[in-house]
Amino acid sequence: QAFLLGYLTSPQATAGPLVLLGQPGSGKSVLTKVLAARLPAREFLTVRVVLREVPSDTDLQSQIEYAVRAATRENLAWPDLVATTGDALPVVILDGFDELLQATGVSQSDYLEKIALFQEREAIHGHPVAVIVTSRTAVADRARIPPGGAVSVRLEPFSDQKVTQWLEVWNQANEAFHDARNLRPLSAETVLKDTDLARQPLLLLMLALYDADGNALHSTADSLGHA
């Protein structure tokens, strides 16, 4: 969050899109929600666009206007909206480039280039805009980088310390559940026997849910397959 806040106050933010990459369940969407909630309204006008919820066969500006209408129930054209911002910087967060690909079933290799052209056009009209787009790492290569470049940020997997902290919260929240069923708390030692799974937040949650059924993970952690 600190990096993104610093980035949005730099000239580079309006020169091209920032691409936020991560594995499924790594926290991309949650991060965009938190960022949209925490950006000071006096300095930023934030529009979060969930790409799976807007028409996939229309242009970028129409997708933004659709998201604004869904959030406010008002038909606001983008130029009218930015005209009211004063000194606040418009920030458009496009969440789910990979889901846009799934929705269209066609190539969207020029999507980042369209974003850059949108930013260039807005800057010419005196309304520079910053754009953040999220995507799963696996499909990032299906979008061409704009000629002016783009900043990419990758969400790192959990470290051993983060896994331990997550489990401390999990065990505390489920203490009554464990006691009622005579279950042992889930330890970092148990889940870290397979670090490829435990280091991904969503998969760590799935391991914890699996173990909640009779401490199943305690007895199978050594025999989990890697397929």
C-alpha atoms as a PDB file:
ATOM      1  CA  GLN A   1       0.000   0.000   0.000  1.00  0.00           C
ATOM      2  CA  ALA A   2       2.789   2.401   0.854  1.00  0.00           C
ATOM      3  CA  PHE A   3       4.421   1.814  -2.531  1.00  0.00           C
ATOM      4  CA  LEU A   4       1.162   2.387  -4.410  1.00  0.00           C
ATOM      5  CA  LEU A   5       0.456   5.600  -2.520  1.00  0.00           C
ATOM      6  CA  GLY A   6       3.931   6.853  -3.335  1.00  0.00           C
ATOM      7  CA  TYR A   7       3.553   5.820  -6.961  1.00  0.00           C
ATOM      8  CA  LEU A   8       0.259   7.673  -7.371  1.00  0.00           C
ATOM      9  CA  THR A   9       1.890  10.927  -6.297  1.00  0.00           C
ATOM     10  CA  SER A  10       4.650  10.598  -8.909  1.00  0.00           C
ATOM     11  CA  PRO A  11       4.531  11.894 -12.522  1.00  0.00           C
ATOM     12  CA  GLN A  12       4.949   8.311 -13.746  1.00  0.00           C
ATOM     13  CA  ALA A  13       1.453   7.416 -12.513  1.00  0.00           C
ATOM     14  CA  THR A  14      -0.267   9.276 -15.352  1.00  0.00           C
ATOM     15  CA  ALA A  15       2.236   8.270 -18.046  1.00  0.00           C
ATOM     16  CA  GLY A  16       1.147   4.626 -18.310  1.00  0.00           C
ATOM     17  CA  PRO A  17      -0.707   1.866 -16.476  1.00  0.00           C
ATOM     18  CA  LEU A  18       0.548   0.065 -13.399  1.00  0.00           C
ATOM     19  CA  VAL A  19       0.050  -3.704 -13.645  1.00  0.00           C
ATOM     20  CA  LEU A  20      -0.519  -5.505 -10.342  1.00  0.00           C
ATOM     21  CA  LEU A  21       0.267  -9.208 -10.721  1.00  0.00           C
ATOM     22  CA  GLY A  22      -0.448 -12.125  -8.408  1.00  0.00           C
ATOM     23  CA  GLN A  23      -1.534 -15.722  -8.157  1.00  0.00           C
ATOM     24  CA  PRO A  24      -5.240 -16.593  -7.701  1.00  0.00           C
ATOM     25  CA  GLY A  25      -6.253 -15.690  -4.162  1.00  0.00           C
ATOM     26  CA  SER A  26      -3.091 -13.698  -3.479  1.00  0.00           C
ATOM     27  CA  GLY A  27      -5.082 -10.614  -2.482  1.00  0.00           C
ATOM     28  CA  LYS A  28      -5.183  -8.484  -5.634  1.00  0.00           C
ATOM     29  CA  SER A  29      -8.862  -7.595  -5.395  1.00  0.00           C
ATOM     30  CA  VAL A  30      -8.731  -7.062  -1.637  1.00  0.00           C
ATOM     31  CA  LEU A  31      -5.760  -4.740  -2.089  1.00  0.00           C
ATOM     32  CA  THR A  32      -7.646  -2.668  -4.658  1.00  0.00           C
ATOM     33  CA  LYS A  33     -10.638  -2.382  -2.297  1.00  0.00           C
ATOM     34  CA  VAL A  34      -8.422  -1.257   0.576  1.00  0.00           C
ATOM     35  CA  LEU A  35      -6.572   1.186  -1.664  1.00  0.00           C
ATOM     36  CA  ALA A  36      -9.824   2.662  -2.990  1.00  0.00           C
ATOM     37  CA  ALA A  37     -11.101   3.087   0.570  1.00  0.00           C
ATOM     38  CA  ARG A  38      -7.934   4.666   1.934  1.00  0.00           C
ATOM     39  CA  LEU A  39      -7.001   7.109  -0.814  1.00  0.00           C
ATOM     40  CA  PRO A  40      -7.792  10.593   0.583  1.00  0.00           C
ATOM     41  CA  ALA A  41     -10.852  11.992  -1.195  1.00  0.00           C
ATOM     42  CA  ARG A  42      -9.328  15.470  -1.220  1.00  0.00           C
ATOM     43  CA  GLU A  43      -6.397  14.228  -3.311  1.00  0.00           C
ATOM     44  CA  PHE A  44      -7.841  11.374  -5.381  1.00  0.00           C
ATOM     45  CA  LEU A  45     -11.056  10.518  -7.210  1.00  0.00           C
ATOM     46  CA  THR A  46     -11.060   6.717  -7.211  1.00  0.00           C
ATOM     47  CA  VAL A  47     -13.175   4.604  -9.551  1.00  0.00           C
ATOM     48  CA  ARG A  48     -12.881   0.830  -9.075  1.00  0.00           C
ATOM     49  CA  VAL A  49     -13.996  -1.180 -12.111  1.00  0.00           C
ATOM     50  CA  VAL A  50     -14.571  -4.918 -11.644  1.00  0.00           C
ATOM     51  CA  LEU A  51     -13.977  -6.070 -15.213  1.00  0.00           C
ATOM     52  CA  ARG A  52     -16.087  -9.220 -14.932  1.00  0.00           C
ATOM     53  CA  GLU A  53     -19.106  -7.028 -14.073  1.00  0.00           C
ATOM     54  CA  VAL A  54     -18.906  -4.548 -16.950  1.00  0.00           C
ATOM     55  CA  PRO A  55     -19.582  -5.118 -20.673  1.00  0.00           C
ATOM     56  CA  SER A  56     -16.513  -6.745 -22.184  1.00  0.00           C
ATOM     57  CA  ASP A  57     -17.274  -5.699 -25.762  1.00  0.00           C
ATOM     58  CA  THR A  58     -17.119  -1.951 -25.237  1.00  0.00           C
ATOM     59  CA  ASP A  59     -14.356   0.630 -24.922  1.00  0.00           C
ATOM     60  CA  LEU A  60     -12.493   1.550 -21.743  1.00  0.00           C
ATOM     61  CA  GLN A  61     -14.335   4.810 -21.096  1.00  0.00           C
ATOM     62  CA  SER A  62     -17.699   3.067 -21.388  1.00  0.00           C
ATOM     63  CA  GLN A  63     -16.551   0.394 -18.937  1.00  0.00           C
ATOM     64  CA  ILE A  64     -15.598   3.105 -16.443  1.00  0.00           C
ATOM     65  CA  GLU A  65     -18.925   4.902 -16.894  1.00  0.00           C
ATOM     66  CA  TYR A  66     -20.786   1.608 -16.419  1.00  0.00           C
ATOM     67  CA  ALA A  67     -18.985   1.036 -13.099  1.00  0.00           C
ATOM     68  CA  VAL A  68     -19.781   4.590 -11.956  1.00  0.00           C
ATOM     69  CA  ARG A  69     -23.446   4.093 -12.830  1.00  0.00           C
ATOM     70  CA  ALA A  70     -23.556   0.772 -10.973  1.00  0.00           C
ATOM     71  CA  ALA A  71     -22.038   2.386  -7.868  1.00  0.00           C
ATOM     72  CA  THR A  72     -23.996   5.653  -7.840  1.00  0.00           C
ATOM     73  CA  ARG A  73     -27.113   4.894  -9.915  1.00  0.00           C
ATOM     74  CA  GLU A  74     -26.386   8.081 -11.854  1.00  0.00           C
ATOM     75  CA  ASN A  75     -25.599   8.366 -15.574  1.00  0.00           C
ATOM     76  CA  LEU A  76     -22.376  10.340 -15.385  1.00  0.00           C
ATOM     77  CA  ALA A  77     -20.249  10.779 -18.469  1.00  0.00           C
ATOM     78  CA  TRP A  78     -16.531  10.519 -17.745  1.00  0.00           C
ATOM     79  CA  PRO A  79     -15.735  14.127 -18.855  1.00  0.00           C
ATOM     80  CA  ASP A  80     -18.483  15.453 -16.567  1.00  0.00           C
ATOM     81  CA  LEU A  81     -17.171  13.412 -13.658  1.00  0.00           C
ATOM     82  CA  VAL A  82     -13.546  14.527 -13.949  1.00  0.00           C
ATOM     83  CA  ALA A  83     -14.658  18.143 -14.390  1.00  0.00           C
ATOM     84  CA  THR A  84     -15.868  18.063 -10.786  1.00  0.00           C
ATOM     85  CA  THR A  85     -12.616  16.759  -9.281  1.00  0.00           C
ATOM     86  CA  GLY A  86     -10.802  20.050  -8.903  1.00  0.00           C
ATOM     87  CA  ASP A  87      -7.207  19.280  -7.950  1.00  0.00           C
ATOM     88  CA  ALA A  88      -7.938  15.624  -7.114  1.00  0.00           C
ATOM     89  CA  LEU A  89      -6.230  13.060  -9.342  1.00  0.00           C
ATOM     90  CA  PRO A  90      -8.599  10.545 -10.974  1.00  0.00           C
ATOM     91  CA  VAL A  91      -7.473   6.972 -10.244  1.00  0.00           C
ATOM     92  CA  VAL A  92      -9.089   4.171 -12.238  1.00  0.00           C
ATOM     93  CA  ILE A  93      -8.605   0.668 -10.818  1.00  0.00           C
ATOM     94  CA  LEU A  94      -9.353  -2.081 -13.365  1.00  0.00           C
ATOM     95  CA  ASP A  95      -9.655  -5.285 -11.387  1.00  0.00           C
ATOM     96  CA  GLY A  96      -9.389  -8.607 -13.229  1.00  0.00           C
ATOM     97  CA  PHE A  97      -7.746  -8.399 -16.639  1.00  0.00           C
ATOM     98  CA  ASP A  98      -7.609 -12.214 -16.620  1.00  0.00           C
ATOM     99  CA  GLU A  99     -11.382 -12.367 -16.090  1.00  0.00           C
ATOM    100  CA  LEU A 100     -11.870  -9.976 -18.993  1.00  0.00           C
ATOM    101  CA  LEU A 101     -10.005 -12.459 -21.161  1.00  0.00           C
ATOM    102  CA  GLN A 102     -12.275 -15.261 -19.977  1.00  0.00           C
ATOM    103  CA  ALA A 103     -15.395 -13.183 -20.615  1.00  0.00           C
ATOM    104  CA  THR A 104     -14.490 -12.248 -24.180  1.00  0.00           C
ATOM    105  CA  GLY A 105     -12.861 -15.484 -25.262  1.00  0.00           C
ATOM    106  CA  VAL A 106     -10.757 -13.409 -27.652  1.00  0.00           C
ATOM    107  CA  SER A 107      -7.369 -11.806 -27.530  1.00  0.00           C
ATOM    108  CA  GLN A 108      -7.046  -8.603 -25.524  1.00  0.00           C
ATOM    109  CA  SER A 109      -3.360  -8.181 -26.267  1.00  0.00           C
ATOM    110  CA  ASP A 110      -3.784  -4.444 -26.904  1.00  0.00           C
ATOM    111  CA  TYR A 111      -5.665  -3.712 -23.669  1.00  0.00           C
ATOM    112  CA  LEU A 112      -2.729  -2.051 -21.916  1.00  0.00           C
ATOM    113  CA  GLU A 113      -2.044  -0.039 -25.054  1.00  0.00           C
ATOM    114  CA  LYS A 114      -5.661   1.171 -25.019  1.00  0.00           C
ATOM    115  CA  ILE A 115      -5.219   2.221 -21.403  1.00  0.00           C
ATOM    116  CA  ALA A 116      -2.076   4.177 -22.252  1.00  0.00           C
ATOM    117  CA  LEU A 117      -3.872   5.911 -25.145  1.00  0.00           C
ATOM    118  CA  PHE A 118      -6.742   6.776 -22.805  1.00  0.00           C
ATOM    119  CA  GLN A 119      -4.288   8.312 -20.334  1.00  0.00           C
ATOM    120  CA  GLU A 120      -2.541  10.237 -23.108  1.00  0.00           C
ATOM    121  CA  ARG A 121      -5.845  11.613 -24.386  1.00  0.00           C
ATOM    122  CA  GLU A 122      -6.959  12.681 -20.919  1.00  0.00           C
ATOM    123  CA  ALA A 123      -3.632  14.404 -20.255  1.00  0.00           C
ATOM    124  CA  ILE A 124      -3.947  16.363 -23.503  1.00  0.00           C
ATOM    125  CA  HIS A 125      -7.363  17.587 -22.345  1.00  0.00           C
ATOM    126  CA  GLY A 126      -5.910  18.712 -19.045  1.00  0.00           C
ATOM    127  CA  HIS A 127      -7.205  15.845 -16.905  1.00  0.00           C
ATOM    128  CA  PRO A 128      -4.349  13.386 -16.286  1.00  0.00           C
ATOM    129  CA  VAL A 129      -5.472  10.071 -14.855  1.00  0.00           C
ATOM    130  CA  ALA A 130      -3.685   7.178 -13.140  1.00  0.00           C
ATOM    131  CA  VAL A 131      -4.691   3.606 -13.985  1.00  0.00           C
ATOM    132  CA  ILE A 132      -4.011   0.398 -12.058  1.00  0.00           C
ATOM    133  CA  VAL A 133      -4.923  -2.952 -13.631  1.00  0.00           C
ATOM    134  CA  THR A 134      -4.762  -6.307 -11.836  1.00  0.00           C
ATOM    135  CA  SER A 135      -4.134  -9.678 -13.429  1.00  0.00           C
ATOM    136  CA  ARG A 136      -3.145 -13.213 -12.643  1.00  0.00           C
ATOM    137  CA  THR A 137       0.519 -13.751 -13.355  1.00  0.00           C
ATOM    138  CA  ALA A 138      -0.236 -16.656 -15.699  1.00  0.00           C
ATOM    139  CA  VAL A 139      -1.941 -14.459 -18.325  1.00  0.00           C
ATOM    140  CA  ALA A 140       0.260 -11.376 -18.048  1.00  0.00           C
ATOM    141  CA  ASP A 141       2.097 -12.324 -21.228  1.00  0.00           C
ATOM    142  CA  ARG A 142      -1.139 -11.977 -23.221  1.00  0.00           C
ATOM    143  CA  ALA A 143      -0.986  -8.184 -23.096  1.00  0.00           C
ATOM    144  CA  ARG A 144       1.546  -6.085 -24.996  1.00  0.00           C
ATOM    145  CA  ILE A 145       3.426  -3.461 -23.020  1.00  0.00           C
ATOM    146  CA  PRO A 146       2.662   0.072 -24.319  1.00  0.00           C
ATOM    147  CA  PRO A 147       5.482   1.859 -26.175  1.00  0.00           C
ATOM    148  CA  GLY A 148       5.876   4.248 -23.263  1.00  0.00           C
ATOM    149  CA  GLY A 149       6.311   1.366 -20.847  1.00  0.00           C
ATOM    150  CA  ALA A 150       4.387   0.224 -17.790  1.00  0.00           C
ATOM    151  CA  VAL A 151       5.239  -0.430 -14.166  1.00  0.00           C
ATOM    152  CA  SER A 152       4.641  -3.993 -12.950  1.00  0.00           C
ATOM    153  CA  VAL A 153       4.239  -4.995  -9.310  1.00  0.00           C
ATOM    154  CA  ARG A 154       4.049  -8.628  -8.199  1.00  0.00           C
ATOM    155  CA  LEU A 155       2.470  -9.709  -4.927  1.00  0.00           C
ATOM    156  CA  GLU A 156       4.974 -11.996  -3.236  1.00  0.00           C
ATOM    157  CA  PRO A 157       3.945 -15.280  -1.587  1.00  0.00           C
ATOM    158  CA  PHE A 158       3.812 -15.434   2.208  1.00  0.00           C
ATOM    159  CA  SER A 159       7.072 -15.789   4.089  1.00  0.00           C
ATOM    160  CA  ASP A 160       7.378 -18.292   6.935  1.00  0.00           C
ATOM    161  CA  GLN A 161       6.737 -15.417   9.348  1.00  0.00           C
ATOM    162  CA  LYS A 162       3.534 -14.382   7.541  1.00  0.00           C
ATOM    163  CA  VAL A 163       2.294 -17.984   7.513  1.00  0.00           C
ATOM    164  CA  THR A 164       2.910 -18.172  11.266  1.00  0.00           C
ATOM    165  CA  GLN A 165       1.100 -14.879  11.888  1.00  0.00           C
ATOM    166  CA  TRP A 166      -1.866 -15.993   9.758  1.00  0.00           C
ATOM    167  CA  LEU A 167      -2.131 -19.252  11.696  1.00  0.00           C
ATOM    168  CA  GLU A 168      -1.996 -17.439  15.034  1.00  0.00           C
ATOM    169  CA  VAL A 169      -5.078 -15.444  14.022  1.00  0.00           C
ATOM    170  CA  TRP A 170      -6.785 -18.552  12.613  1.00  0.00           C
ATOM    171  CA  ASN A 171      -6.198 -20.610  15.748  1.00  0.00           C
ATOM    172  CA  GLN A 172      -7.322 -17.810  18.034  1.00  0.00           C
ATOM    173  CA  ALA A 173     -10.522 -17.226  16.036  1.00  0.00           C
ATOM    174  CA  ASN A 174     -11.327 -20.950  16.016  1.00  0.00           C
ATOM    175  CA  GLU A 175     -10.251 -21.812  19.560  1.00  0.00           C
ATOM    176  CA  ALA A 176     -13.786 -22.670  20.707  1.00  0.00           C
ATOM    177  CA  PHE A 177     -14.332 -24.819  17.609  1.00  0.00           C
ATOM    178  CA  HIS A 178     -11.105 -26.747  18.242  1.00  0.00           C
ATOM    179  CA  ASP A 179     -11.890 -27.269  21.932  1.00  0.00           C
ATOM    180  CA  ALA A 180     -15.418 -28.505  21.228  1.00  0.00           C
ATOM    181  CA  ARG A 181     -14.103 -31.157  18.827  1.00  0.00           C
ATOM    182  CA  ASN A 182     -10.871 -31.980  20.666  1.00  0.00           C
ATOM    183  CA  LEU A 183      -8.752 -30.730  17.748  1.00  0.00           C
ATOM    184  CA  ARG A 184      -5.175 -29.580  17.865  1.00  0.00           C
ATOM    185  CA  PRO A 185      -4.408 -26.048  16.640  1.00  0.00           C
ATOM    186  CA  LEU A 186      -2.866 -25.948  13.175  1.00  0.00           C
ATOM    187  CA  SER A 187       0.845 -25.266  13.443  1.00  0.00           C
ATOM    188  CA  ALA A 188       3.200 -23.597  10.994  1.00  0.00           C
ATOM    189  CA  GLU A 189       5.385 -26.714  11.108  1.00  0.00           C
ATOM    190  CA  THR A 190       2.501 -28.798   9.764  1.00  0.00           C
ATOM    191  CA  VAL A 191       1.505 -26.559   6.854  1.00  0.00           C
ATOM    192  CA  LEU A 192       5.054 -25.622   5.896  1.00  0.00           C
ATOM    193  CA  LYS A 193       5.821 -29.248   5.039  1.00  0.00           C
ATOM    194  CA  ASP A 194       4.476 -28.190   1.652  1.00  0.00           C
ATOM    195  CA  THR A 195       5.551 -24.567   1.278  1.00  0.00           C
ATOM    196  CA  ASP A 196       4.294 -24.187  -2.290  1.00  0.00           C
ATOM    197  CA  LEU A 197       0.749 -24.489  -0.976  1.00  0.00           C
ATOM    198  CA  ALA A 198       1.085 -22.763   2.378  1.00  0.00           C
ATOM    199  CA  ARG A 199       2.713 -19.638   0.968  1.00  0.00           C
ATOM    200  CA  GLN A 200      -0.346 -18.766  -1.132  1.00  0.00           C
ATOM    201  CA  PRO A 201      -3.053 -17.108   1.040  1.00  0.00           C
ATOM    202  CA  LEU A 202      -6.014 -18.846  -0.620  1.00  0.00           C
ATOM    203  CA  LEU A 203      -4.346 -22.259  -0.546  1.00  0.00           C
ATOM    204  CA  LEU A 204      -3.310 -21.736   3.070  1.00  0.00           C
ATOM    205  CA  LEU A 205      -6.975 -21.135   3.904  1.00  0.00           C
ATOM    206  CA  MET A 206      -7.901 -24.337   2.080  1.00  0.00           C
ATOM    207  CA  LEU A 207      -5.298 -26.283   4.072  1.00  0.00           C
ATOM    208  CA  ALA A 208      -6.700 -24.859   7.294  1.00  0.00           C
ATOM    209  CA  LEU A 209     -10.257 -25.818   6.325  1.00  0.00           C
ATOM    210  CA  TYR A 210      -9.065 -29.303   5.393  1.00  0.00           C
ATOM    211  CA  ASP A 211      -7.423 -29.737   8.785  1.00  0.00           C
ATOM    212  CA  ALA A 212     -10.569 -28.504  10.573  1.00  0.00           C
ATOM    213  CA  ASP A 213     -12.147 -31.862   9.724  1.00  0.00           C
ATOM    214  CA  GLY A 214     -10.590 -34.130  12.339  1.00  0.00           C
ATOM    215  CA  ASN A 215      -7.077 -32.685  12.041  1.00  0.00           C
ATOM    216  CA  ALA A 216      -6.838 -34.327   8.631  1.00  0.00           C
ATOM    217  CA  LEU A 217      -3.775 -32.384   7.580  1.00  0.00           C
ATOM    218  CA  HIS A 218      -1.801 -33.580  10.584  1.00  0.00           C
ATOM    219  CA  SER A 219      -2.070 -37.153   9.342  1.00  0.00           C
ATOM    220  CA  THR A 220      -1.642 -36.507   5.616  1.00  0.00           C
ATOM    221  CA  ALA A 221       0.873 -33.637   5.455  1.00  0.00           C
ATOM    222  CA  ASP A 222       3.723 -36.048   4.733  1.00  0.00           C
ATOM    223  CA  SER A 223       1.847 -37.811   1.932  1.00  0.00           C
ATOM    224  CA  LEU A 224       0.282 -34.924  -0.002  1.00  0.00           C
ATOM    225  CA  GLY A 225       0.903 -35.288  -3.698  1.00  0.00           C
ATOM    226  CA  HIS A 226       2.293 -32.481  -5.851  1.00  0.00           C
ATOM    227  CA  ALA A 227       0.277 -33.113  -9.011  1.00  0.00           C
END
